[in-house]
Amino acid sequence: MDRNIYNQSQQPWTFTVTYDEGGNSGNVYFSGAGTGTAENGPWVVPANADTQTQFTTTDGKSDGTFLIADHTGQTRQFDFSGGSIAHNGDTGPVSLNTPADCDMTITADQW
């Protein structure tokens, strides 16, 4: 599944994917605008730039946790599974599953 991160802010944001101790269920590959480690990050998305993400599967599963850090180092985490990022209510400056499932749109400089 191919998705995107849209950084509409004036600061870079960093994305890292982690998995439960039981092993991973697929990987997330980052490409396009940004720098870092393409497989599961950390990947730094520069200000006013778009990054592509590709979710792969292992045994038909794709799930894990996104650690999302703003430019000050403040981090929040969100689980993803089956083509959607889980959250409860407003996620502040990082809109999850927007405009499509597993897309992220960043609209402010920090958490």
N, C-alpha and C. Protein backbone atom coordinates (compact mmCIF):
# COMPACT_ATOMS: atom_id res chain seq x y z
N MET A 1 0.85 -1.17 0.00
CA MET A 1 0.00 0.00 0.00
C MET A 1 0.90 1.24 0.00
N ASP A 2 0.66 2.14 -0.91
CA ASP A 2 1.44 3.38 -1.02
C ASP A 2 0.62 4.53 -0.46
N ARG A 3 1.25 5.32 0.42
CA ARG A 3 0.60 6.46 1.05
C ARG A 3 1.56 7.63 1.10
N ASN A 4 1.15 8.73 1.75
CA ASN A 4 1.95 9.95 1.77
C ASN A 4 1.94 10.63 3.13
N ILE A 5 3.01 11.39 3.37
CA ILE A 5 3.08 12.31 4.49
C ILE A 5 3.22 13.70 3.88
N TYR A 6 2.28 14.58 4.21
CA TYR A 6 2.28 15.94 3.68
C TYR A 6 2.67 16.89 4.81
N ASN A 7 3.88 17.42 4.76
CA ASN A 7 4.33 18.36 5.79
C ASN A 7 4.08 19.77 5.28
N GLN A 8 3.01 20.38 5.76
CA GLN A 8 2.65 21.73 5.38
C GLN A 8 3.15 22.75 6.40
N SER A 9 3.98 22.31 7.35
CA SER A 9 4.49 23.20 8.39
C SER A 9 5.81 23.84 7.96
N GLN A 10 6.33 24.68 8.83
CA GLN A 10 7.58 25.39 8.57
C GLN A 10 8.78 24.70 9.23
N GLN A 11 8.57 23.49 9.79
CA GLN A 11 9.62 22.77 10.50
C GLN A 11 9.66 21.30 10.05
N PRO A 12 10.81 20.65 10.22
CA PRO A 12 10.90 19.22 9.91
C PRO A 12 10.22 18.37 10.98
N TRP A 13 9.74 17.21 10.60
CA TRP A 13 9.16 16.21 11.49
C TRP A 13 9.84 14.88 11.23
N THR A 14 10.01 14.06 12.27
CA THR A 14 10.72 12.78 12.15
C THR A 14 9.77 11.62 12.43
N PHE A 15 9.83 10.60 11.56
CA PHE A 15 8.97 9.43 11.64
C PHE A 15 9.81 8.17 11.79
N THR A 16 9.47 7.36 12.78
CA THR A 16 10.14 6.09 13.01
C THR A 16 9.06 5.03 13.24
N VAL A 17 9.26 3.85 12.69
CA VAL A 17 8.30 2.75 12.86
C VAL A 17 8.94 1.70 13.75
N THR A 18 8.17 1.25 14.76
CA THR A 18 8.63 0.19 15.64
C THR A 18 7.59 -0.93 15.64
N TYR A 19 8.00 -2.08 16.17
CA TYR A 19 7.14 -3.26 16.17
C TYR A 19 7.17 -3.91 17.54
N ASP A 20 6.13 -4.69 17.85
CA ASP A 20 6.10 -5.45 19.10
C ASP A 20 7.25 -6.44 19.13
N GLU A 21 7.59 -6.88 20.31
CA GLU A 21 8.69 -7.82 20.49
C GLU A 21 8.52 -9.11 19.70
N GLY A 22 7.30 -9.46 19.37
CA GLY A 22 7.04 -10.70 18.66
C GLY A 22 7.49 -10.69 17.21
N GLY A 23 8.09 -9.62 16.75
CA GLY A 23 8.54 -9.55 15.37
C GLY A 23 7.71 -8.56 14.59
N ASN A 24 8.16 -8.26 13.40
CA ASN A 24 7.42 -7.25 12.64
C ASN A 24 6.39 -7.88 11.73
N SER A 25 5.47 -7.06 11.34
CA SER A 25 4.45 -7.47 10.37
C SER A 25 4.55 -6.51 9.20
N GLY A 26 5.47 -6.78 8.32
CA GLY A 26 5.72 -5.88 7.21
C GLY A 26 6.66 -4.77 7.63
N ASN A 27 6.91 -3.86 6.72
CA ASN A 27 7.77 -2.70 6.98
C ASN A 27 7.13 -1.47 6.36
N VAL A 28 7.65 -0.32 6.74
CA VAL A 28 7.26 0.93 6.10
C VAL A 28 8.52 1.52 5.49
N TYR A 29 8.46 1.78 4.19
CA TYR A 29 9.59 2.38 3.47
C TYR A 29 9.26 3.82 3.14
N PHE A 30 10.22 4.70 3.40
CA PHE A 30 10.07 6.13 3.13
C PHE A 30 10.87 6.48 1.88
N SER A 31 10.33 7.39 1.05
CA SER A 31 11.04 7.85 -0.14
C SER A 31 10.55 9.25 -0.49
N GLY A 32 11.23 9.84 -1.44
CA GLY A 32 10.87 11.21 -1.84
C GLY A 32 11.59 12.21 -0.96
N ALA A 33 10.93 13.31 -0.66
CA ALA A 33 11.55 14.36 0.15
C ALA A 33 11.88 13.83 1.53
N GLY A 34 13.08 14.12 1.98
CA GLY A 34 13.49 13.72 3.31
C GLY A 34 14.83 13.01 3.32
N THR A 35 15.29 12.73 4.52
CA THR A 35 16.57 12.05 4.71
C THR A 35 16.45 11.08 5.87
N GLY A 36 17.30 10.07 5.86
CA GLY A 36 17.33 9.13 6.96
C GLY A 36 17.38 7.71 6.46
N THR A 37 16.88 6.80 7.27
CA THR A 37 16.86 5.38 6.94
C THR A 37 15.53 5.06 6.26
N ALA A 38 15.59 4.59 5.03
CA ALA A 38 14.38 4.36 4.24
C ALA A 38 13.48 3.28 4.85
N GLU A 39 14.08 2.22 5.40
CA GLU A 39 13.28 1.14 5.98
C GLU A 39 12.98 1.44 7.43
N ASN A 40 11.74 1.79 7.73
CA ASN A 40 11.23 2.03 9.09
C ASN A 40 11.80 3.27 9.78
N GLY A 41 12.60 4.07 9.09
CA GLY A 41 13.12 5.30 9.66
C GLY A 41 14.22 5.05 10.68
N PRO A 42 14.63 6.12 11.36
CA PRO A 42 14.00 7.44 11.35
C PRO A 42 14.16 8.15 10.01
N TRP A 43 13.09 8.83 9.62
CA TRP A 43 13.04 9.58 8.37
C TRP A 43 12.58 10.99 8.69
N VAL A 44 13.38 11.98 8.29
CA VAL A 44 13.07 13.38 8.56
C VAL A 44 12.41 13.99 7.33
N VAL A 45 11.17 14.43 7.50
CA VAL A 45 10.43 15.08 6.42
C VAL A 45 10.63 16.58 6.57
N PRO A 46 11.26 17.23 5.58
CA PRO A 46 11.53 18.66 5.69
C PRO A 46 10.25 19.50 5.65
N ALA A 47 10.39 20.76 6.04
CA ALA A 47 9.28 21.70 5.98
C ALA A 47 8.75 21.81 4.56
N ASN A 48 7.45 21.95 4.44
CA ASN A 48 6.80 22.17 3.14
C ASN A 48 7.20 21.13 2.09
N ALA A 49 7.19 19.87 2.49
CA ALA A 49 7.59 18.80 1.57
C ALA A 49 6.67 17.59 1.75
N ASP A 50 6.65 16.75 0.75
CA ASP A 50 5.86 15.52 0.78
C ASP A 50 6.78 14.32 0.69
N THR A 51 6.47 13.31 1.49
CA THR A 51 7.21 12.06 1.50
C THR A 51 6.25 10.93 1.16
N GLN A 52 6.73 9.95 0.43
CA GLN A 52 5.92 8.79 0.12
C GLN A 52 6.25 7.68 1.12
N THR A 53 5.24 6.91 1.47
CA THR A 53 5.42 5.74 2.33
C THR A 53 4.87 4.52 1.61
N GLN A 54 5.56 3.41 1.77
CA GLN A 54 5.07 2.15 1.22
C GLN A 54 5.00 1.15 2.35
N PHE A 55 3.80 0.63 2.61
CA PHE A 55 3.58 -0.36 3.64
C PHE A 55 3.65 -1.74 3.00
N THR A 56 4.53 -2.60 3.52
CA THR A 56 4.61 -3.97 3.04
C THR A 56 4.01 -4.90 4.09
N THR A 57 3.82 -6.17 3.73
CA THR A 57 3.22 -7.12 4.66
C THR A 57 4.15 -8.30 4.90
N THR A 58 3.95 -8.95 6.02
CA THR A 58 4.56 -10.23 6.34
C THR A 58 3.42 -11.15 6.73
N ASP A 59 3.30 -12.27 6.04
CA ASP A 59 2.18 -13.20 6.26
C ASP A 59 0.84 -12.48 6.19
N GLY A 60 0.73 -11.53 5.28
CA GLY A 60 -0.52 -10.82 5.07
C GLY A 60 -0.82 -9.72 6.08
N LYS A 61 0.11 -9.44 6.99
CA LYS A 61 -0.12 -8.42 8.03
C LYS A 61 0.79 -7.22 7.83
N SER A 62 0.25 -6.06 8.14
CA SER A 62 1.02 -4.83 8.18
C SER A 62 0.57 -4.06 9.42
N ASP A 63 1.35 -4.15 10.48
CA ASP A 63 1.01 -3.39 11.68
C ASP A 63 2.26 -3.07 12.48
N GLY A 64 2.17 -2.00 13.25
CA GLY A 64 3.28 -1.52 14.06
C GLY A 64 2.90 -0.21 14.72
N THR A 65 3.91 0.58 15.07
CA THR A 65 3.70 1.85 15.75
C THR A 65 4.54 2.93 15.10
N PHE A 66 3.90 4.06 14.80
CA PHE A 66 4.61 5.25 14.34
C PHE A 66 5.01 6.08 15.55
N LEU A 67 6.29 6.43 15.65
CA LEU A 67 6.77 7.42 16.60
C LEU A 67 6.97 8.69 15.78
N ILE A 68 6.26 9.74 16.13
CA ILE A 68 6.29 10.98 15.36
C ILE A 68 6.85 12.09 16.26
N ALA A 69 7.99 12.66 15.86
CA ALA A 69 8.66 13.68 16.65
C ALA A 69 8.67 15.02 15.92
N ASP A 70 8.37 16.08 16.67
CA ASP A 70 8.47 17.42 16.09
C ASP A 70 9.92 17.90 16.17
N HIS A 71 10.19 19.10 15.73
CA HIS A 71 11.58 19.61 15.68
C HIS A 71 12.16 19.87 17.06
N THR A 72 11.34 19.90 18.12
CA THR A 72 11.84 20.09 19.48
C THR A 72 12.18 18.75 20.15
N GLY A 73 11.81 17.64 19.49
CA GLY A 73 12.05 16.32 20.04
C GLY A 73 10.86 15.72 20.78
N GLN A 74 9.78 16.49 20.92
CA GLN A 74 8.58 15.95 21.56
C GLN A 74 7.98 14.89 20.64
N THR A 75 7.67 13.72 21.22
CA THR A 75 7.23 12.57 20.42
C THR A 75 5.88 12.06 20.91
N ARG A 76 5.07 11.64 19.95
CA ARG A 76 3.82 10.93 20.24
C ARG A 76 3.82 9.67 19.39
N GLN A 77 3.08 8.67 19.81
CA GLN A 77 3.05 7.41 19.07
C GLN A 77 1.63 7.00 18.76
N PHE A 78 1.50 6.35 17.60
CA PHE A 78 0.21 5.89 17.11
C PHE A 78 0.39 4.53 16.45
N ASP A 79 -0.47 3.58 16.80
CA ASP A 79 -0.43 2.25 16.21
C ASP A 79 -1.11 2.26 14.85
N PHE A 80 -0.63 1.40 13.96
CA PHE A 80 -1.29 1.21 12.68
C PHE A 80 -1.49 -0.28 12.44
N SER A 81 -2.57 -0.60 11.73
CA SER A 81 -2.87 -1.98 11.41
C SER A 81 -3.90 -2.02 10.31
N GLY A 82 -3.71 -2.93 9.38
CA GLY A 82 -4.71 -3.18 8.35
C GLY A 82 -5.08 -1.97 7.52
N GLY A 83 -4.15 -1.07 7.29
CA GLY A 83 -4.41 0.05 6.41
C GLY A 83 -4.97 1.28 7.06
N SER A 84 -4.87 1.39 8.39
CA SER A 84 -5.37 2.57 9.08
C SER A 84 -4.51 2.85 10.31
N ILE A 85 -4.41 4.12 10.69
CA ILE A 85 -3.66 4.52 11.88
C ILE A 85 -4.68 4.77 12.99
N ALA A 86 -4.51 4.10 14.12
CA ALA A 86 -5.46 4.20 15.23
C ALA A 86 -5.24 5.48 16.02
N HIS A 87 -6.34 6.13 16.38
CA HIS A 87 -6.28 7.30 17.26
C HIS A 87 -7.66 7.56 17.84
N ASN A 88 -7.67 8.30 18.94
CA ASN A 88 -8.93 8.68 19.58
C ASN A 88 -9.07 10.19 19.53
N GLY A 89 -9.90 10.67 18.65
CA GLY A 89 -10.18 12.10 18.58
C GLY A 89 -9.09 12.90 17.90
N ASP A 90 -9.01 14.15 18.29
CA ASP A 90 -8.11 15.13 17.68
C ASP A 90 -6.65 14.74 17.91
N THR A 91 -5.86 14.74 16.86
CA THR A 91 -4.43 14.41 16.98
C THR A 91 -3.56 15.64 16.79
N GLY A 92 -4.14 16.82 16.96
CA GLY A 92 -3.37 18.06 16.91
C GLY A 92 -2.84 18.35 15.53
N PRO A 93 -1.56 18.73 15.46
CA PRO A 93 -1.00 19.19 14.20
C PRO A 93 -0.76 18.11 13.16
N VAL A 94 -0.83 16.84 13.55
CA VAL A 94 -0.64 15.75 12.60
C VAL A 94 -1.99 15.05 12.41
N SER A 95 -2.64 15.33 11.32
CA SER A 95 -3.93 14.70 11.03
C SER A 95 -3.66 13.32 10.45
N LEU A 96 -4.12 12.30 11.15
CA LEU A 96 -3.90 10.92 10.74
C LEU A 96 -5.03 10.45 9.84
N ASN A 97 -4.67 9.60 8.88
CA ASN A 97 -5.64 9.06 7.91
C ASN A 97 -6.28 10.18 7.09
N THR A 98 -5.50 11.23 6.83
CA THR A 98 -6.00 12.38 6.07
C THR A 98 -5.00 12.75 4.99
N PRO A 99 -5.38 12.81 3.74
CA PRO A 99 -6.72 12.71 3.20
C PRO A 99 -7.22 11.28 2.98
N ALA A 100 -6.37 10.26 3.12
CA ALA A 100 -6.80 8.87 2.95
C ALA A 100 -6.20 8.02 4.07
N ASP A 101 -6.71 6.81 4.26
CA ASP A 101 -6.18 5.93 5.30
C ASP A 101 -4.67 5.80 5.17
N CYS A 102 -3.98 5.92 6.31
CA CYS A 102 -2.52 5.84 6.45
C CYS A 102 -1.78 7.03 5.85
N ASP A 103 -2.47 8.02 5.32
CA ASP A 103 -1.85 9.30 4.98
C ASP A 103 -1.74 10.12 6.26
N MET A 104 -0.80 11.08 6.28
CA MET A 104 -0.68 12.02 7.39
C MET A 104 -0.47 13.42 6.81
N THR A 105 -1.17 14.39 7.38
CA THR A 105 -1.03 15.77 6.97
C THR A 105 -0.64 16.60 8.19
N ILE A 106 0.51 17.29 8.10
CA ILE A 106 1.03 18.09 9.20
C ILE A 106 0.74 19.56 8.91
N THR A 107 0.09 20.23 9.86
CA THR A 107 -0.33 21.61 9.64
C THR A 107 0.25 22.62 10.61
N ALA A 108 1.06 22.18 11.58
CA ALA A 108 1.68 23.11 12.54
C ALA A 108 3.11 22.68 12.79
N ASP A 109 3.89 23.56 13.41
CA ASP A 109 5.32 23.33 13.56
C ASP A 109 5.71 22.36 14.68
N GLN A 110 4.84 22.17 15.66
CA GLN A 110 5.18 21.26 16.77
C GLN A 110 3.93 20.79 17.48
N TRP A 111 4.13 19.75 18.31
CA TRP A 111 3.01 19.20 19.08
C TRP A 111 2.53 20.27 20.03
